[in-house]
C-alpha atoms as a PDB file:
ATOM      1  CA  MET A   1      16.090 -30.155  15.395  1.00  0.00           C
ATOM      2  CA  ASN A   2      14.088 -27.047  13.813  1.00  0.00           C
ATOM      3  CA  ALA A   3      14.853 -25.642  10.961  1.00  0.00           C
ATOM      4  CA  THR A   4      15.731 -22.008  10.731  1.00  0.00           C
ATOM      5  CA  PRO A   5      12.562 -19.745  10.166  1.00  0.00           C
ATOM      6  CA  LEU A   6      13.161 -17.709   6.253  1.00  0.00           C
ATOM      7  CA  PRO A   7      13.361 -13.935   6.613  1.00  0.00           C
ATOM      8  CA  SER A   8       9.946 -12.109   5.533  1.00  0.00           C
ATOM      9  CA  ARG A   9      10.247 -10.147   2.393  1.00  0.00           C
ATOM     10  CA  THR A  10      10.118  -7.072   3.155  1.00  0.00           C
ATOM     11  CA  LEU A  11      13.735  -8.187   5.579  1.00  0.00           C
ATOM     12  CA  VAL A  12      15.007  -9.088   2.933  1.00  0.00           C
ATOM     13  CA  ALA A  13      14.516  -5.901   0.891  1.00  0.00           C
ATOM     14  CA  ALA A  14      15.737  -3.706   3.196  1.00  0.00           C
ATOM     15  CA  LEU A  15      19.213  -5.589   3.900  1.00  0.00           C
ATOM     16  CA  VAL A  16      19.488  -6.098   0.221  1.00  0.00           C
ATOM     17  CA  ARG A  17      18.785  -1.803  -0.485  1.00  0.00           C
ATOM     18  CA  GLN A  18      20.852  -1.062   3.166  1.00  0.00           C
ATOM     19  CA  ALA A  19      23.784  -3.423   1.278  1.00  0.00           C
ATOM     20  CA  LEU A  20      23.237  -1.297  -1.940  1.00  0.00           C
ATOM     21  CA  GLN A  21      23.523   2.304  -0.117  1.00  0.00           C
ATOM     22  CA  GLN A  22      26.154   1.535   1.076  1.00  0.00           C
ATOM     23  CA  SER A  23      28.084  -0.103  -2.058  1.00  0.00           C
ATOM     24  CA  GLY A  24      27.434   3.659  -3.871  1.00  0.00           C
ATOM     25  CA  SER A  25      24.556   1.942  -5.940  1.00  0.00           C
ATOM     26  CA  PRO A  26      22.098   4.611  -7.405  1.00  0.00           C
ATOM     27  CA  ALA A  27      20.039   4.391  -4.350  1.00  0.00           C
ATOM     28  CA  THR A  28      22.019   6.271  -2.146  1.00  0.00           C
ATOM     29  CA  ALA A  29      21.442   9.453  -4.652  1.00  0.00           C
ATOM     30  CA  ALA A  30      19.373  11.051  -2.079  1.00  0.00           C
ATOM     31  CA  SER A  31      20.947  11.806   1.002  1.00  0.00           C
ATOM     32  CA  THR A  32      23.262   9.311   2.969  1.00  0.00           C
ATOM     33  CA  ALA A  33      21.287  11.048   6.434  1.00  0.00           C
ATOM     34  CA  GLN A  34      18.041   8.619   5.398  1.00  0.00           C
ATOM     35  CA  ARG A  35      16.775   7.442   8.741  1.00  0.00           C
ATOM     36  CA  ASN A  36      15.853   4.170   7.295  1.00  0.00           C
ATOM     37  CA  PRO A  37      16.337   2.652   3.883  1.00  0.00           C
ATOM     38  CA  LEU A  38      14.549   3.059   0.860  1.00  0.00           C
ATOM     39  CA  LEU A  39      11.598   0.845   0.310  1.00  0.00           C
ATOM     40  CA  VAL A  40       9.518  -0.108  -2.426  1.00  0.00           C
ATOM     41  CA  ASN A  41       6.538  -2.033  -2.306  1.00  0.00           C
ATOM     42  CA  VAL A  42       3.828  -3.473  -3.960  1.00  0.00           C
ATOM     43  CA  SER A  43       0.353  -3.109  -2.523  1.00  0.00           C
ATOM     44  CA  ALA A  44      -1.761  -5.721  -3.533  1.00  0.00           C
ATOM     45  CA  ARG A  45      -5.902  -4.530  -3.787  1.00  0.00           C
ATOM     46  CA  HIS A  46      -7.121  -4.662  -0.187  1.00  0.00           C
ATOM     47  CA  CYS A  47      -9.678  -2.791   2.567  1.00  0.00           C
ATOM     48  CA  HIS A  48     -10.212  -0.413   5.128  1.00  0.00           C
ATOM     49  CA  LEU A  49     -12.900  -0.993   7.065  1.00  0.00           C
ATOM     50  CA  THR A  50     -14.449   0.919  10.536  1.00  0.00           C
ATOM     51  CA  GLN A  51     -15.847  -1.351  13.543  1.00  0.00           C
ATOM     52  CA  GLU A  52     -18.915  -1.263  12.453  1.00  0.00           C
ATOM     53  CA  ALA A  53     -18.727  -2.460   9.118  1.00  0.00           C
ATOM     54  CA  VAL A  54     -16.358  -5.622  10.467  1.00  0.00           C
ATOM     55  CA  GLU A  55     -19.254  -6.000  12.780  1.00  0.00           C
ATOM     56  CA  GLN A  56     -21.870  -5.795   9.945  1.00  0.00           C
ATOM     57  CA  LEU A  57     -19.575  -8.764   7.821  1.00  0.00           C
ATOM     58  CA  PHE A  58     -18.475 -10.831  10.669  1.00  0.00           C
ATOM     59  CA  GLY A  59     -20.806 -10.484  13.437  1.00  0.00           C
ATOM     60  CA  PRO A  60     -21.292  -8.052  16.717  1.00  0.00           C
ATOM     61  CA  GLY A  61     -17.628  -7.551  18.330  1.00  0.00           C
ATOM     62  CA  TYR A  62     -15.871  -9.166  16.277  1.00  0.00           C
ATOM     63  CA  GLU A  63     -12.696  -7.855  16.189  1.00  0.00           C
ATOM     64  CA  LEU A  64     -10.087  -8.437  12.902  1.00  0.00           C
ATOM     65  CA  GLN A  65      -7.393 -10.827  14.249  1.00  0.00           C
ATOM     66  CA  PRO A  66      -3.802 -10.030  13.093  1.00  0.00           C
ATOM     67  CA  MET A  67      -2.361 -11.886  10.458  1.00  0.00           C
ATOM     68  CA  LYS A  68       0.875 -10.633   9.143  1.00  0.00           C
ATOM     69  CA  TRP A  69       2.697  -7.119  10.498  1.00  0.00           C
ATOM     70  CA  LEU A  70       3.428  -4.638   7.917  1.00  0.00           C
ATOM     71  CA  TYR A  71       6.363  -2.861   7.196  1.00  0.00           C
ATOM     72  CA  GLN A  72       4.621   0.255   8.693  1.00  0.00           C
ATOM     73  CA  ASP A  73       4.503   0.222  13.016  1.00  0.00           C
ATOM     74  CA  GLY A  74       1.148  -1.065  13.830  1.00  0.00           C
ATOM     75  CA  GLN A  75      -0.118  -2.212  10.487  1.00  0.00           C
ATOM     76  CA  TYR A  76      -1.064  -5.020   9.250  1.00  0.00           C
ATOM     77  CA  ALA A  77      -2.883  -8.122   7.284  1.00  0.00           C
ATOM     78  CA  ALA A  78      -5.733  -9.201   8.858  1.00  0.00           C
ATOM     79  CA  LYS A  79      -6.778 -12.844   8.367  1.00  0.00           C
ATOM     80  CA  GLU A  80     -10.297 -11.894   7.868  1.00  0.00           C
ATOM     81  CA  THR A  81     -11.429 -11.452   3.466  1.00  0.00           C
ATOM     82  CA  VAL A  82     -14.110 -10.257   2.126  1.00  0.00           C
ATOM     83  CA  THR A  83     -16.270 -10.773  -1.291  1.00  0.00           C
ATOM     84  CA  LEU A  84     -16.225  -7.486  -3.298  1.00  0.00           C
ATOM     85  CA  ILE A  85     -19.091  -7.227  -5.423  1.00  0.00           C
ATOM     86  CA  GLY A  86     -18.633  -5.197  -8.643  1.00  0.00           C
ATOM     87  CA  PRO A  87     -21.638  -3.002 -10.527  1.00  0.00           C
ATOM     88  CA  ARG A  88     -20.958  -5.663 -13.176  1.00  0.00           C
ATOM     89  CA  SER A  89     -22.254  -8.320 -10.665  1.00  0.00           C
ATOM     90  CA  ARG A  90     -18.745  -9.482 -10.708  1.00  0.00           C
ATOM     91  CA  VAL A  91     -16.858 -10.464  -7.615  1.00  0.00           C
ATOM     92  CA  ILE A  92     -13.393 -10.631  -6.589  1.00  0.00           C
ATOM     93  CA  SER A  93     -13.235 -13.615  -3.046  1.00  0.00           C
ATOM     94  CA  ASN A  94     -10.774 -12.785  -0.684  1.00  0.00           C
ATOM     95  CA  LEU A  95      -9.946  -9.196  -0.431  1.00  0.00           C
ATOM     96  CA  ARG A  96      -7.587  -8.747   2.186  1.00  0.00           C
ATOM     97  CA  ILE A  97      -8.645  -6.446   5.231  1.00  0.00           C
ATOM     98  CA  LEU A  98      -5.646  -4.489   6.907  1.00  0.00           C
ATOM     99  CA  GLY A  99      -5.660  -3.123  10.065  1.00  0.00           C
ATOM    100  CA  PRO A 100      -5.869  -1.720  12.969  1.00  0.00           C
ATOM    101  CA  CYS A 101     -10.399  -0.483  12.204  1.00  0.00           C
ATOM    102  CA  ARG A 102     -10.106   3.451  11.004  1.00  0.00           C
ATOM    103  CA  ASP A 103     -13.038   5.606  10.658  1.00  0.00           C
ATOM    104  CA  ILE A 104     -13.524   5.200   7.358  1.00  0.00           C
ATOM    105  CA  ASN A 105     -14.615   2.227   4.735  1.00  0.00           C
ATOM    106  CA  GLN A 106     -12.362   2.317   1.648  1.00  0.00           C
ATOM    107  CA  VAL A 107     -11.490  -0.491  -1.115  1.00  0.00           C
ATOM    108  CA  GLU A 108      -8.048   0.477  -2.820  1.00  0.00           C
ATOM    109  CA  LEU A 109      -7.984  -1.528  -6.305  1.00  0.00           C
ATOM    110  CA  ALA A 110      -5.564  -1.537  -9.313  1.00  0.00           C
ATOM    111  CA  PHE A 111      -6.926  -0.176 -12.551  1.00  0.00           C
ATOM    112  CA  THR A 112      -6.593  -3.876 -14.276  1.00  0.00           C
ATOM    113  CA  ASP A 113      -9.205  -4.619 -11.051  1.00  0.00           C
ATOM    114  CA  SER A 114     -10.897  -1.390 -11.608  1.00  0.00           C
ATOM    115  CA  ILE A 115     -12.104  -2.224 -15.189  1.00  0.00           C
ATOM    116  CA  ALA A 116     -12.834  -6.142 -14.385  1.00  0.00           C
ATOM    117  CA  LEU A 117     -15.604  -5.172 -11.930  1.00  0.00           C
ATOM    118  CA  GLY A 118     -16.490  -2.308 -13.254  1.00  0.00           C
ATOM    119  CA  PHE A 119     -15.547   0.395 -11.355  1.00  0.00           C
ATOM    120  CA  ASP A 120     -15.075   4.024 -12.556  1.00  0.00           C
ATOM    121  CA  ALA A 121     -12.449   4.577  -9.578  1.00  0.00           C
ATOM    122  CA  PRO A 122     -10.617   7.454  -9.378  1.00  0.00           C
ATOM    123  CA  VAL A 123      -7.191   8.072  -8.361  1.00  0.00           C
ATOM    124  CA  ARG A 124      -6.952   9.289  -4.828  1.00  0.00           C
ATOM    125  CA  LEU A 125      -4.718   9.971  -2.240  1.00  0.00           C
ATOM    126  CA  SER A 126      -5.852   7.612   1.431  1.00  0.00           C
ATOM    127  CA  GLY A 127      -9.013   8.744   3.114  1.00  0.00           C
ATOM    128  CA  ASP A 128     -10.330  10.937   0.372  1.00  0.00           C
ATOM    129  CA  ILE A 129     -13.127   9.192  -0.541  1.00  0.00           C
ATOM    130  CA  ALA A 130     -16.059  12.290  -1.472  1.00  0.00           C
ATOM    131  CA  GLY A 131     -17.831  11.487  -4.987  1.00  0.00           C
ATOM    132  CA  THR A 132     -16.269   8.133  -4.683  1.00  0.00           C
ATOM    133  CA  PRO A 133     -17.848   4.913  -6.553  1.00  0.00           C
ATOM    134  CA  GLY A 134     -20.190   2.615  -3.100  1.00  0.00           C
ATOM    135  CA  ALA A 135     -19.843  -0.741  -3.106  1.00  0.00           C
ATOM    136  CA  MET A 136     -21.346  -3.984  -1.966  1.00  0.00           C
ATOM    137  CA  LEU A 137     -19.192  -6.236   0.882  1.00  0.00           C
ATOM    138  CA  MET A 138     -19.806  -9.822   2.041  1.00  0.00           C
ATOM    139  CA  GLY A 139     -18.402 -11.737   4.950  1.00  0.00           C
ATOM    140  CA  PRO A 140     -19.895 -14.976   6.456  1.00  0.00           C
ATOM    141  CA  TYR A 141     -22.322 -13.335   9.152  1.00  0.00           C
ATOM    142  CA  GLY A 142     -23.552 -10.534   6.256  1.00  0.00           C
ATOM    143  CA  PHE A 143     -23.548  -7.681   3.896  1.00  0.00           C
ATOM    144  CA  PHE A 144     -21.980  -4.125   4.182  1.00  0.00           C
ATOM    145  CA  GLU A 145     -23.428  -1.645   1.570  1.00  0.00           C
ATOM    146  CA  MET A 146     -20.637   0.871   0.939  1.00  0.00           C
ATOM    147  CA  PRO A 147     -21.788   4.683  -0.599  1.00  0.00           C
ATOM    148  CA  GLU A 148     -18.458   5.544  -1.703  1.00  0.00           C
ATOM    149  CA  GLY A 149     -14.921   4.808  -1.338  1.00  0.00           C
ATOM    150  CA  VAL A 150     -14.021   2.908  -3.746  1.00  0.00           C
ATOM    151  CA  ILE A 151     -10.393   4.127  -4.907  1.00  0.00           C
ATOM    152  CA  ARG A 152      -7.016   3.562  -7.045  1.00  0.00           C
ATOM    153  CA  ALA A 153      -5.078   4.528  -4.394  1.00  0.00           C
ATOM    154  CA  ALA A 154      -2.549   8.045  -5.672  1.00  0.00           C
ATOM    155  CA  ILE A 155       1.786   6.183  -5.965  1.00  0.00           C
ATOM    156  CA  HIS A 156       2.759   7.920  -2.810  1.00  0.00           C
ATOM    157  CA  VAL A 157       5.620   7.606  -0.372  1.00  0.00           C
ATOM    158  CA  HIS A 158       5.608   7.030   3.474  1.00  0.00           C
ATOM    159  CA  MET A 159       8.204   9.952   5.247  1.00  0.00           C
ATOM    160  CA  HIS A 160       9.498  10.116   8.392  1.00  0.00           C
ATOM    161  CA  PRO A 161      10.051  14.199   8.968  1.00  0.00           C
ATOM    162  CA  ASP A 162      13.384  13.931   8.882  1.00  0.00           C
ATOM    163  CA  ASP A 163      13.039  11.867   6.011  1.00  0.00           C
ATOM    164  CA  ALA A 164      11.265  14.176   4.673  1.00  0.00           C
ATOM    165  CA  ALA A 165      14.693  16.892   5.304  1.00  0.00           C
ATOM    166  CA  ALA A 166      16.604  15.079   3.923  1.00  0.00           C
ATOM    167  CA  TYR A 167      14.789  14.979   0.483  1.00  0.00           C
ATOM    168  CA  GLY A 168      13.878  18.471   0.459  1.00  0.00           C
ATOM    169  CA  VAL A 169       9.712  17.706   0.514  1.00  0.00           C
ATOM    170  CA  LYS A 170       6.762  18.219   2.742  1.00  0.00           C
ATOM    171  CA  HIS A 171       3.310  16.681   3.134  1.00  0.00           C
ATOM    172  CA  LYS A 172       1.702  16.525  -0.239  1.00  0.00           C
ATOM    173  CA  ASP A 173       4.521  17.623  -2.216  1.00  0.00           C
ATOM    174  CA  TYR A 174       5.526  15.797  -5.420  1.00  0.00           C
ATOM    175  CA  ILE A 175       8.462  13.579  -6.099  1.00  0.00           C
ATOM    176  CA  LYS A 176      10.264  11.674  -8.771  1.00  0.00           C
ATOM    177  CA  LEU A 177      10.692   7.527  -8.242  1.00  0.00           C
ATOM    178  CA  LYS A 178      12.966   6.162 -10.598  1.00  0.00           C
ATOM    179  CA  VAL A 179      13.464   2.404 -11.339  1.00  0.00           C
ATOM    180  CA  GLY A 180      16.214   0.709 -13.180  1.00  0.00           C
ATOM    181  CA  GLY A 181      16.901  -3.042 -13.415  1.00  0.00           C
ATOM    182  CA  PRO A 182      15.759  -4.558 -16.905  1.00  0.00           C
ATOM    183  CA  CYS A 183      12.141  -2.862 -17.236  1.00  0.00           C
ATOM    184  CA  PRO A 184      13.202   0.945 -15.860  1.00  0.00           C
ATOM    185  CA  LEU A 185      10.395   3.460 -15.459  1.00  0.00           C
ATOM    186  CA  THR A 186      10.279   6.864 -13.709  1.00  0.00           C
ATOM    187  CA  PHE A 187       7.636   7.612 -12.216  1.00  0.00           C
ATOM    188  CA  GLU A 188       7.020  11.210 -12.867  1.00  0.00           C
ATOM    189  CA  LYS A 189       4.243  11.992  -9.232  1.00  0.00           C
ATOM    190  CA  LEU A 190       4.750  10.715  -6.722  1.00  0.00           C
ATOM    191  CA  LEU A 191       2.964  11.797  -3.658  1.00  0.00           C
ATOM    192  CA  VAL A 192       4.854  12.655  -0.646  1.00  0.00           C
ATOM    193  CA  ARG A 193       2.894  11.926   3.048  1.00  0.00           C
ATOM    194  CA  VAL A 194       5.549  12.653   6.190  1.00  0.00           C
ATOM    195  CA  ASP A 195       3.768  11.624   9.570  1.00  0.00           C
ATOM    196  CA  GLU A 196       6.202  11.128  12.800  1.00  0.00           C
ATOM    197  CA  SER A 197       4.945   7.519  12.254  1.00  0.00           C
ATOM    198  CA  PHE A 198       6.032   6.557   9.123  1.00  0.00           C
ATOM    199  CA  LYS A 199       8.873   4.593   7.418  1.00  0.00           C
ATOM    200  CA  LEU A 200      10.569   5.102   4.332  1.00  0.00           C
ATOM    201  CA  GLU A 201       8.305   3.680   1.782  1.00  0.00           C
ATOM    202  CA  VAL A 202       6.712   3.350  -1.316  1.00  0.00           C
ATOM    203  CA  HIS A 203       3.800   1.835  -1.985  1.00  0.00           C
ATOM    204  CA  LEU A 204       2.911   1.406  -5.617  1.00  0.00           C
ATOM    205  CA  ASP A 205       0.000  -1.319  -7.224  1.00  0.00           C
ATOM    206  CA  THR A 206       0.354  -4.206  -8.897  1.00  0.00           C
ATOM    207  CA  ASP A 207      -0.323  -2.636 -12.524  1.00  0.00           C
ATOM    208  CA  GLU A 208       2.841  -0.090 -11.613  1.00  0.00           C
ATOM    209  CA  GLY A 209       5.148  -2.901  -9.934  1.00  0.00           C
ATOM    210  CA  ASN A 210       4.627  -5.087 -12.746  1.00  0.00           C
ATOM    211  CA  ALA A 211       4.789  -2.439 -14.980  1.00  0.00           C
ATOM    212  CA  CYS A 212       8.394  -2.036 -13.517  1.00  0.00           C
ATOM    213  CA  GLY A 213       9.184  -5.422 -13.170  1.00  0.00           C
ATOM    214  CA  LEU A 214      10.032  -4.948  -9.433  1.00  0.00           C
ATOM    215  CA  LYS A 215      11.624  -7.054  -7.810  1.00  0.00           C
ATOM    216  CA  PRO A 216      13.690  -6.830  -3.826  1.00  0.00           C
ATOM    217  CA  ASP A 217      16.925  -5.857  -5.544  1.00  0.00           C
ATOM    218  CA  THR A 218      15.860  -3.707  -8.345  1.00  0.00           C
ATOM    219  CA  PRO A 219      17.712  -0.654  -7.532  1.00  0.00           C
ATOM    220  CA  VAL A 220      15.611   2.634  -7.106  1.00  0.00           C
ATOM    221  CA  GLU A 221      16.163   6.798  -6.094  1.00  0.00           C
ATOM    222  CA  LEU A 222      13.917   9.135  -5.090  1.00  0.00           C
ATOM    223  CA  LEU A 223      14.422  12.454  -7.254  1.00  0.00           C
ATOM    224  CA  LYS A 224      13.642  15.855  -6.315  1.00  0.00           C
END
């Protein structure tokens, strides 16, 4: 008899937070008009690549293979990883590629990753890479040199326009994220990103997630 597959972490988080909302927890304080339950997920270090970069690293005509679909529609963690070579000749192997391919090359690191590798990576909105450090990537087929693109992604929240209206914010505004639990913490400048394709989701990096001890059942609240 086949075993019943376990639900994904994202699904568990959604169900837990939905239950918290229905029970009147602080996570419902913003509005009951939300299209989606509020998810706060930790985004580990990763990279986004152009098709040109993928082919230099994995071979001509190579296409990324989805390994795991992410919460945002159409986004996935690819099966493929690369090695990131830092200024101190230290490396991070198995740096996950997120797909699909984009029109820029970008590496997103946490602060501790940046220090370990020797990057002076600024905090930036994804896609804002002008003047950022470059890096060398190594794949099974070859190398790819990025002239720029290494950043620490600004803590941010994805919102559909309906969610933005419910919270009274617009694209590139700031909102606060209050995290409860045994390590309560309030992030004062959470960047709002609004798009028709987005679901309501906050992205923290691993340093930020560890600082507040984030777990699937941790109560969270967005504050204007």
